[in-house]
Amino acid sequence: MNQWEAIAAVIDHTLLRMDATRGQVLDLCAEAAFYSFATVCVNTGHVALAASVLRNTPVRVATTIGFPLGAVPATVKRHEAAEALLLGAEELDMVINVGALKSGDRAAVEADIRGVTQEAHDAGALVKVILETSLLTTPDKILACELSLAAGADFVKTSTGFAGGGATVEDVALMRGVVGERAGVKASGGIRTAADLLAMLAAGADRIGTSNSVAILRELGAPPLSK
């Protein structure tokens, strides 16, 4: 296996812009199938389309829950998760309730995450909990990881990319240190080059979210997309 093929297998090929069109989602899926990315990550409104296009490929469909603010009732996130799963999502990237976390309401944060993980796990899907690290102190980040583990999350994830900050190697290393081998770590937000991506993997990430996936693989020697 070439280096670029190994890297592609850990990338969530992402398109979460609010103005994303049907054609752009179809292009995203075509790229994902060609390069064998781990997933495509799209907003819930595009899940059914992506799932239908990728049905006969190994590429999984990921979507976002409570995105990008996380500041909706836990019942709403759980309902959105259930709807996304019915539409064909196989991985859910949910945004933590940052305000509740920073208010010290541990029970509310854990319950918020648990509601989504229960829906997902009942359907055989994975959950990644987005911490939004740029808004958190180090103790906040540690607590968020611990609550994610307690609620059964499969991954902790750095960022939405919508809050003025993204993944850093320091945050990825901290998160890996907290979760150990009990959960995965996804680095997302601001990863635009092969050097960025490789630094995140070296720090402990085992999944990468980026909208610059194809350019990164081309840096690593991948061929152009055949059409």
C-alpha atoms as a PDB file:
ATOM      1  CA  MET A   1       0.000   0.000   0.000  1.00  0.00           C
ATOM      2  CA  ASN A   2       1.274   3.446  -0.944  1.00  0.00           C
ATOM      3  CA  GLN A   3       1.534   6.162   1.706  1.00  0.00           C
ATOM      4  CA  TRP A   4      -1.323   8.109   0.166  1.00  0.00           C
ATOM      5  CA  GLU A   5      -3.582   5.045   0.264  1.00  0.00           C
ATOM      6  CA  ALA A   6      -2.889   4.534   3.965  1.00  0.00           C
ATOM      7  CA  ILE A   7      -3.585   8.213   4.621  1.00  0.00           C
ATOM      8  CA  ALA A   8      -6.813   8.174   2.603  1.00  0.00           C
ATOM      9  CA  ALA A   9      -8.112   5.378   4.810  1.00  0.00           C
ATOM     10  CA  VAL A  10      -8.155   7.675   7.866  1.00  0.00           C
ATOM     11  CA  ILE A  11      -9.656  10.783   6.226  1.00  0.00           C
ATOM     12  CA  ASP A  12     -13.227  12.001   6.609  1.00  0.00           C
ATOM     13  CA  HIS A  13     -13.663  13.798   3.270  1.00  0.00           C
ATOM     14  CA  THR A  14     -15.698  16.787   4.367  1.00  0.00           C
ATOM     15  CA  LEU A  15     -18.166  19.242   2.868  1.00  0.00           C
ATOM     16  CA  LEU A  16     -20.158  21.147   5.501  1.00  0.00           C
ATOM     17  CA  ARG A  17     -20.638  24.536   3.877  1.00  0.00           C
ATOM     18  CA  MET A  18     -24.178  25.863   4.134  1.00  0.00           C
ATOM     19  CA  ASP A  19     -24.187  26.611   0.399  1.00  0.00           C
ATOM     20  CA  ALA A  20     -23.088  23.132  -0.684  1.00  0.00           C
ATOM     21  CA  THR A  21     -25.030  22.033  -3.756  1.00  0.00           C
ATOM     22  CA  ARG A  22     -26.224  18.610  -4.887  1.00  0.00           C
ATOM     23  CA  GLY A  23     -23.567  18.647  -7.602  1.00  0.00           C
ATOM     24  CA  GLN A  24     -20.814  19.374  -5.081  1.00  0.00           C
ATOM     25  CA  VAL A  25     -21.986  16.521  -2.863  1.00  0.00           C
ATOM     26  CA  LEU A  26     -21.948  14.181  -5.861  1.00  0.00           C
ATOM     27  CA  ASP A  27     -18.395  15.313  -6.665  1.00  0.00           C
ATOM     28  CA  LEU A  28     -17.402  14.712  -3.025  1.00  0.00           C
ATOM     29  CA  CYS A  29     -18.773  11.175  -3.193  1.00  0.00           C
ATOM     30  CA  ALA A  30     -17.005  10.465  -6.482  1.00  0.00           C
ATOM     31  CA  GLU A  31     -13.704  11.609  -4.980  1.00  0.00           C
ATOM     32  CA  ALA A  32     -14.279   9.520  -1.868  1.00  0.00           C
ATOM     33  CA  ALA A  33     -15.000   6.393  -3.889  1.00  0.00           C
ATOM     34  CA  PHE A  34     -11.997   6.918  -6.152  1.00  0.00           C
ATOM     35  CA  TYR A  35      -9.498   7.514  -3.342  1.00  0.00           C
ATOM     36  CA  SER A  36     -11.160   5.175  -0.790  1.00  0.00           C
ATOM     37  CA  PHE A  37     -11.526   7.750   1.970  1.00  0.00           C
ATOM     38  CA  ALA A  38     -12.856   6.494   5.294  1.00  0.00           C
ATOM     39  CA  THR A  39     -16.026   8.564   5.000  1.00  0.00           C
ATOM     40  CA  VAL A  40     -17.694  11.499   3.424  1.00  0.00           C
ATOM     41  CA  CYS A  41     -18.897  13.946   6.065  1.00  0.00           C
ATOM     42  CA  VAL A  42     -21.916  16.005   5.022  1.00  0.00           C
ATOM     43  CA  ASN A  43     -24.744  17.870   6.679  1.00  0.00           C
ATOM     44  CA  THR A  44     -27.837  15.828   7.476  1.00  0.00           C
ATOM     45  CA  GLY A  45     -29.736  17.251   4.510  1.00  0.00           C
ATOM     46  CA  HIS A  46     -27.295  15.487   2.173  1.00  0.00           C
ATOM     47  CA  VAL A  47     -27.106  12.118   3.952  1.00  0.00           C
ATOM     48  CA  ALA A  48     -29.693  10.309   1.829  1.00  0.00           C
ATOM     49  CA  LEU A  49     -27.997  11.424  -1.388  1.00  0.00           C
ATOM     50  CA  ALA A  50     -24.532  10.414  -0.209  1.00  0.00           C
ATOM     51  CA  ALA A  51     -25.775   7.075   1.125  1.00  0.00           C
ATOM     52  CA  SER A  52     -27.468   6.239  -2.161  1.00  0.00           C
ATOM     53  CA  VAL A  53     -24.375   7.085  -4.225  1.00  0.00           C
ATOM     54  CA  LEU A  54     -21.920   5.258  -1.948  1.00  0.00           C
ATOM     55  CA  ARG A  55     -24.091   2.216  -1.205  1.00  0.00           C
ATOM     56  CA  ASN A  56     -21.892  -0.245  -3.114  1.00  0.00           C
ATOM     57  CA  THR A  57     -18.550   1.184  -1.962  1.00  0.00           C
ATOM     58  CA  PRO A  58     -16.586   0.771   1.284  1.00  0.00           C
ATOM     59  CA  VAL A  59     -16.887   4.530   1.980  1.00  0.00           C
ATOM     60  CA  ARG A  60     -19.062   5.259   5.006  1.00  0.00           C
ATOM     61  CA  VAL A  61     -21.395   8.235   5.359  1.00  0.00           C
ATOM     62  CA  ALA A  62     -20.808  10.539   8.313  1.00  0.00           C
ATOM     63  CA  THR A  63     -22.941  13.495   9.307  1.00  0.00           C
ATOM     64  CA  THR A  64     -23.120  16.199  11.945  1.00  0.00           C
ATOM     65  CA  ILE A  65     -25.489  16.463  14.897  1.00  0.00           C
ATOM     66  CA  GLY A  66     -26.262  19.739  16.701  1.00  0.00           C
ATOM     67  CA  PHE A  67     -23.901  21.429  14.263  1.00  0.00           C
ATOM     68  CA  PRO A  68     -22.142  23.808  14.567  1.00  0.00           C
ATOM     69  CA  LEU A  69     -23.129  25.323  17.931  1.00  0.00           C
ATOM     70  CA  GLY A  70     -24.183  22.325  20.015  1.00  0.00           C
ATOM     71  CA  ALA A  71     -26.572  24.592  21.917  1.00  0.00           C
ATOM     72  CA  VAL A  72     -29.849  22.779  21.282  1.00  0.00           C
ATOM     73  CA  PRO A  73     -31.772  20.544  23.700  1.00  0.00           C
ATOM     74  CA  ALA A  74     -30.491  17.010  24.109  1.00  0.00           C
ATOM     75  CA  THR A  75     -33.820  15.687  22.850  1.00  0.00           C
ATOM     76  CA  VAL A  76     -33.334  17.569  19.587  1.00  0.00           C
ATOM     77  CA  LYS A  77     -29.872  16.082  19.085  1.00  0.00           C
ATOM     78  CA  ARG A  78     -31.206  12.611  19.783  1.00  0.00           C
ATOM     79  CA  HIS A  79     -34.021  13.085  17.278  1.00  0.00           C
ATOM     80  CA  GLU A  80     -31.635  14.442  14.663  1.00  0.00           C
ATOM     81  CA  ALA A  81     -29.383  11.436  15.248  1.00  0.00           C
ATOM     82  CA  ALA A  82     -32.286   9.024  14.789  1.00  0.00           C
ATOM     83  CA  GLU A  83     -33.350  10.744  11.559  1.00  0.00           C
ATOM     84  CA  ALA A  84     -29.782  10.762  10.210  1.00  0.00           C
ATOM     85  CA  LEU A  85     -29.416   7.048  10.898  1.00  0.00           C
ATOM     86  CA  LEU A  86     -32.672   6.299   9.084  1.00  0.00           C
ATOM     87  CA  LEU A  87     -31.378   8.261   6.101  1.00  0.00           C
ATOM     88  CA  GLY A  88     -28.227   6.138   5.964  1.00  0.00           C
ATOM     89  CA  ALA A  89     -25.621   7.770   8.205  1.00  0.00           C
ATOM     90  CA  GLU A  90     -23.088   5.364   9.700  1.00  0.00           C
ATOM     91  CA  GLU A  91     -21.051   7.839  11.758  1.00  0.00           C
ATOM     92  CA  LEU A  92     -22.328  10.835  13.738  1.00  0.00           C
ATOM     93  CA  ASP A  93     -20.135  13.823  14.609  1.00  0.00           C
ATOM     94  CA  MET A  94     -22.031  15.570  17.417  1.00  0.00           C
ATOM     95  CA  VAL A  95     -21.194  18.942  18.930  1.00  0.00           C
ATOM     96  CA  ILE A  96     -20.888  18.979  22.697  1.00  0.00           C
ATOM     97  CA  ASN A  97     -22.952  21.463  24.722  1.00  0.00           C
ATOM     98  CA  VAL A  98     -20.060  23.841  25.318  1.00  0.00           C
ATOM     99  CA  GLY A  99     -22.061  26.214  27.514  1.00  0.00           C
ATOM    100  CA  ALA A 100     -23.146  23.392  29.818  1.00  0.00           C
ATOM    101  CA  LEU A 101     -19.577  22.127  30.018  1.00  0.00           C
ATOM    102  CA  LYS A 102     -18.209  25.551  30.932  1.00  0.00           C
ATOM    103  CA  SER A 103     -21.017  25.973  33.479  1.00  0.00           C
ATOM    104  CA  GLY A 104     -19.851  22.808  35.232  1.00  0.00           C
ATOM    105  CA  ASP A 105     -23.032  20.866  34.474  1.00  0.00           C
ATOM    106  CA  ARG A 106     -21.412  17.468  34.057  1.00  0.00           C
ATOM    107  CA  ALA A 107     -24.650  15.521  34.218  1.00  0.00           C
ATOM    108  CA  ALA A 108     -26.220  17.520  31.394  1.00  0.00           C
ATOM    109  CA  VAL A 109     -23.156  17.145  29.169  1.00  0.00           C
ATOM    110  CA  GLU A 110     -22.906  13.399  29.732  1.00  0.00           C
ATOM    111  CA  ALA A 111     -26.645  12.904  29.181  1.00  0.00           C
ATOM    112  CA  ASP A 112     -26.485  14.960  25.971  1.00  0.00           C
ATOM    113  CA  ILE A 113     -23.752  12.726  24.577  1.00  0.00           C
ATOM    114  CA  ARG A 114     -25.315   9.507  25.843  1.00  0.00           C
ATOM    115  CA  GLY A 115     -28.595  10.201  24.061  1.00  0.00           C
ATOM    116  CA  VAL A 116     -26.800  10.326  20.715  1.00  0.00           C
ATOM    117  CA  THR A 117     -24.519   7.370  21.427  1.00  0.00           C
ATOM    118  CA  GLN A 118     -27.465   5.187  22.386  1.00  0.00           C
ATOM    119  CA  GLU A 119     -29.252   5.949  19.128  1.00  0.00           C
ATOM    120  CA  ALA A 120     -26.086   5.372  17.131  1.00  0.00           C
ATOM    121  CA  HIS A 121     -24.969   2.181  18.823  1.00  0.00           C
ATOM    122  CA  ASP A 122     -28.432   0.675  18.541  1.00  0.00           C
ATOM    123  CA  ALA A 123     -28.046   1.145  14.778  1.00  0.00           C
ATOM    124  CA  GLY A 124     -24.425  -0.066  14.632  1.00  0.00           C
ATOM    125  CA  ALA A 125     -23.079   3.432  14.018  1.00  0.00           C
ATOM    126  CA  LEU A 126     -20.170   5.346  15.564  1.00  0.00           C
ATOM    127  CA  VAL A 127     -20.190   8.652  17.449  1.00  0.00           C
ATOM    128  CA  LYS A 128     -17.503  11.328  17.467  1.00  0.00           C
ATOM    129  CA  VAL A 129     -17.901  14.074  20.076  1.00  0.00           C
ATOM    130  CA  ILE A 130     -16.756  17.508  18.905  1.00  0.00           C
ATOM    131  CA  LEU A 131     -15.277  19.401  21.857  1.00  0.00           C
ATOM    132  CA  GLU A 132     -14.630  22.744  20.111  1.00  0.00           C
ATOM    133  CA  THR A 133     -11.198  22.961  21.714  1.00  0.00           C
ATOM    134  CA  SER A 134     -10.565  26.594  20.740  1.00  0.00           C
ATOM    135  CA  LEU A 135     -13.257  27.631  23.255  1.00  0.00           C
ATOM    136  CA  LEU A 136     -12.029  25.441  26.121  1.00  0.00           C
ATOM    137  CA  THR A 137      -9.422  25.594  28.856  1.00  0.00           C
ATOM    138  CA  THR A 138      -7.167  22.603  29.426  1.00  0.00           C
ATOM    139  CA  PRO A 139      -9.302  21.390  32.376  1.00  0.00           C
ATOM    140  CA  ASP A 140     -12.401  21.799  30.161  1.00  0.00           C
ATOM    141  CA  LYS A 141     -10.809  19.641  27.456  1.00  0.00           C
ATOM    142  CA  ILE A 142      -9.873  16.929  29.915  1.00  0.00           C
ATOM    143  CA  LEU A 143     -13.345  16.899  31.435  1.00  0.00           C
ATOM    144  CA  ALA A 144     -14.999  16.822  28.006  1.00  0.00           C
ATOM    145  CA  CYS A 145     -12.935  13.774  27.071  1.00  0.00           C
ATOM    146  CA  GLU A 146     -13.795  12.043  30.343  1.00  0.00           C
ATOM    147  CA  LEU A 147     -17.522  12.738  29.942  1.00  0.00           C
ATOM    148  CA  SER A 148     -17.410  11.520  26.342  1.00  0.00           C
ATOM    149  CA  LEU A 149     -15.881   8.254  27.494  1.00  0.00           C
ATOM    150  CA  ALA A 150     -18.427   7.896  30.287  1.00  0.00           C
ATOM    151  CA  ALA A 151     -21.236   8.380  27.758  1.00  0.00           C
ATOM    152  CA  GLY A 152     -19.888   5.712  25.429  1.00  0.00           C
ATOM    153  CA  ALA A 153     -18.476   7.848  22.606  1.00  0.00           C
ATOM    154  CA  ASP A 154     -16.271   6.139  20.038  1.00  0.00           C
ATOM    155  CA  PHE A 155     -14.132   9.198  19.262  1.00  0.00           C
ATOM    156  CA  VAL A 156     -13.376  12.625  20.636  1.00  0.00           C
ATOM    157  CA  LYS A 157     -12.879  15.310  18.002  1.00  0.00           C
ATOM    158  CA  THR A 158     -11.193  18.691  18.191  1.00  0.00           C
ATOM    159  CA  SER A 159     -13.305  21.170  16.267  1.00  0.00           C
ATOM    160  CA  THR A 160     -16.154  22.095  13.963  1.00  0.00           C
ATOM    161  CA  GLY A 161     -13.981  24.502  11.996  1.00  0.00           C
ATOM    162  CA  PHE A 162     -16.685  27.150  12.522  1.00  0.00           C
ATOM    163  CA  ALA A 163     -15.535  28.673  15.830  1.00  0.00           C
ATOM    164  CA  GLY A 164     -12.431  30.560  14.832  1.00  0.00           C
ATOM    165  CA  GLY A 165      -9.974  27.809  15.642  1.00  0.00           C
ATOM    166  CA  GLY A 166      -9.067  24.297  14.611  1.00  0.00           C
ATOM    167  CA  ALA A 167      -6.965  21.312  15.529  1.00  0.00           C
ATOM    168  CA  THR A 168      -3.566  21.736  17.146  1.00  0.00           C
ATOM    169  CA  VAL A 169      -0.979  19.078  17.833  1.00  0.00           C
ATOM    170  CA  GLU A 170      -1.045  20.044  21.508  1.00  0.00           C
ATOM    171  CA  ASP A 171      -4.792  19.434  21.783  1.00  0.00           C
ATOM    172  CA  VAL A 172      -4.593  16.153  19.902  1.00  0.00           C
ATOM    173  CA  ALA A 173      -1.808  14.931  22.188  1.00  0.00           C
ATOM    174  CA  LEU A 174      -3.775  16.000  25.265  1.00  0.00           C
ATOM    175  CA  MET A 175      -6.922  14.232  24.074  1.00  0.00           C
ATOM    176  CA  ARG A 176      -5.005  11.066  23.245  1.00  0.00           C
ATOM    177  CA  GLY A 177      -3.444  11.153  26.686  1.00  0.00           C
ATOM    178  CA  VAL A 178      -6.863  11.326  28.331  1.00  0.00           C
ATOM    179  CA  VAL A 179      -8.699   8.710  26.257  1.00  0.00           C
ATOM    180  CA  GLY A 180      -5.765   6.351  25.734  1.00  0.00           C
ATOM    181  CA  GLU A 181      -6.963   3.365  23.738  1.00  0.00           C
ATOM    182  CA  ARG A 182     -10.538   3.655  24.998  1.00  0.00           C
ATOM    183  CA  ALA A 183     -11.601   5.919  22.127  1.00  0.00           C
ATOM    184  CA  GLY A 184     -10.323   7.322  18.885  1.00  0.00           C
ATOM    185  CA  VAL A 185      -9.150  10.904  18.373  1.00  0.00           C
ATOM    186  CA  LYS A 186     -10.222  12.900  15.345  1.00  0.00           C
ATOM    187  CA  ALA A 187      -8.344  16.048  14.377  1.00  0.00           C
ATOM    188  CA  SER A 188     -10.423  18.500  12.372  1.00  0.00           C
ATOM    189  CA  GLY A 189     -10.312  22.184  11.494  1.00  0.00           C
ATOM    190  CA  GLY A 190      -7.553  23.931   9.563  1.00  0.00           C
ATOM    191  CA  ILE A 191      -5.821  20.800   8.231  1.00  0.00           C
ATOM    192  CA  ARG A 192      -4.885  21.897   4.733  1.00  0.00           C
ATOM    193  CA  THR A 193      -1.545  20.299   3.856  1.00  0.00           C
ATOM    194  CA  ALA A 194       0.128  16.918   4.066  1.00  0.00           C
ATOM    195  CA  ALA A 195       2.465  18.341   6.706  1.00  0.00           C
ATOM    196  CA  ASP A 196      -0.531  19.415   8.807  1.00  0.00           C
ATOM    197  CA  LEU A 197      -2.096  15.980   8.518  1.00  0.00           C
ATOM    198  CA  LEU A 198       1.069  14.033   9.296  1.00  0.00           C
ATOM    199  CA  ALA A 199       1.691  16.198  12.369  1.00  0.00           C
ATOM    200  CA  MET A 200      -1.796  15.360  13.683  1.00  0.00           C
ATOM    201  CA  LEU A 201      -1.230  11.649  13.169  1.00  0.00           C
ATOM    202  CA  ALA A 202       2.114  11.869  14.943  1.00  0.00           C
ATOM    203  CA  ALA A 203       0.417  13.611  17.885  1.00  0.00           C
ATOM    204  CA  GLY A 204      -2.048  10.747  18.292  1.00  0.00           C
ATOM    205  CA  ALA A 205      -4.945  11.296  15.889  1.00  0.00           C
ATOM    206  CA  ASP A 206      -6.333   8.244  14.160  1.00  0.00           C
ATOM    207  CA  ARG A 207      -8.954  10.044  12.064  1.00  0.00           C
ATOM    208  CA  ILE A 208      -8.604  13.304  10.163  1.00  0.00           C
ATOM    209  CA  GLY A 209     -11.384  15.620   9.008  1.00  0.00           C
ATOM    210  CA  THR A 210     -10.540  17.930   6.133  1.00  0.00           C
ATOM    211  CA  SER A 211     -12.135  19.530   3.104  1.00  0.00           C
ATOM    212  CA  ASN A 212      -8.712  19.631   1.413  1.00  0.00           C
ATOM    213  CA  SER A 213      -8.389  15.857   1.186  1.00  0.00           C
ATOM    214  CA  VAL A 214      -7.684  15.518  -2.521  1.00  0.00           C
ATOM    215  CA  ALA A 215      -4.985  18.211  -2.552  1.00  0.00           C
ATOM    216  CA  ILE A 216      -3.323  16.532   0.432  1.00  0.00           C
ATOM    217  CA  LEU A 217      -3.288  13.156  -1.301  1.00  0.00           C
ATOM    218  CA  ARG A 218      -1.911  14.721  -4.470  1.00  0.00           C
ATOM    219  CA  GLU A 219       0.939  16.123  -2.360  1.00  0.00           C
ATOM    220  CA  LEU A 220       1.616  12.546  -1.285  1.00  0.00           C
ATOM    221  CA  GLY A 221       1.711  11.216  -4.833  1.00  0.00           C
ATOM    222  CA  ALA A 222      -1.874  10.143  -5.455  1.00  0.00           C
ATOM    223  CA  PRO A 223      -3.074  10.165  -9.077  1.00  0.00           C
ATOM    224  CA  PRO A 224      -5.621  12.655 -10.386  1.00  0.00           C
ATOM    225  CA  LEU A 225      -9.247  11.626 -10.265  1.00  0.00           C
ATOM    226  CA  SER A 226     -10.253   9.547 -13.277  1.00  0.00           C
ATOM    227  CA  LYS A 227     -13.549  10.650 -14.782  1.00  0.00           C
END
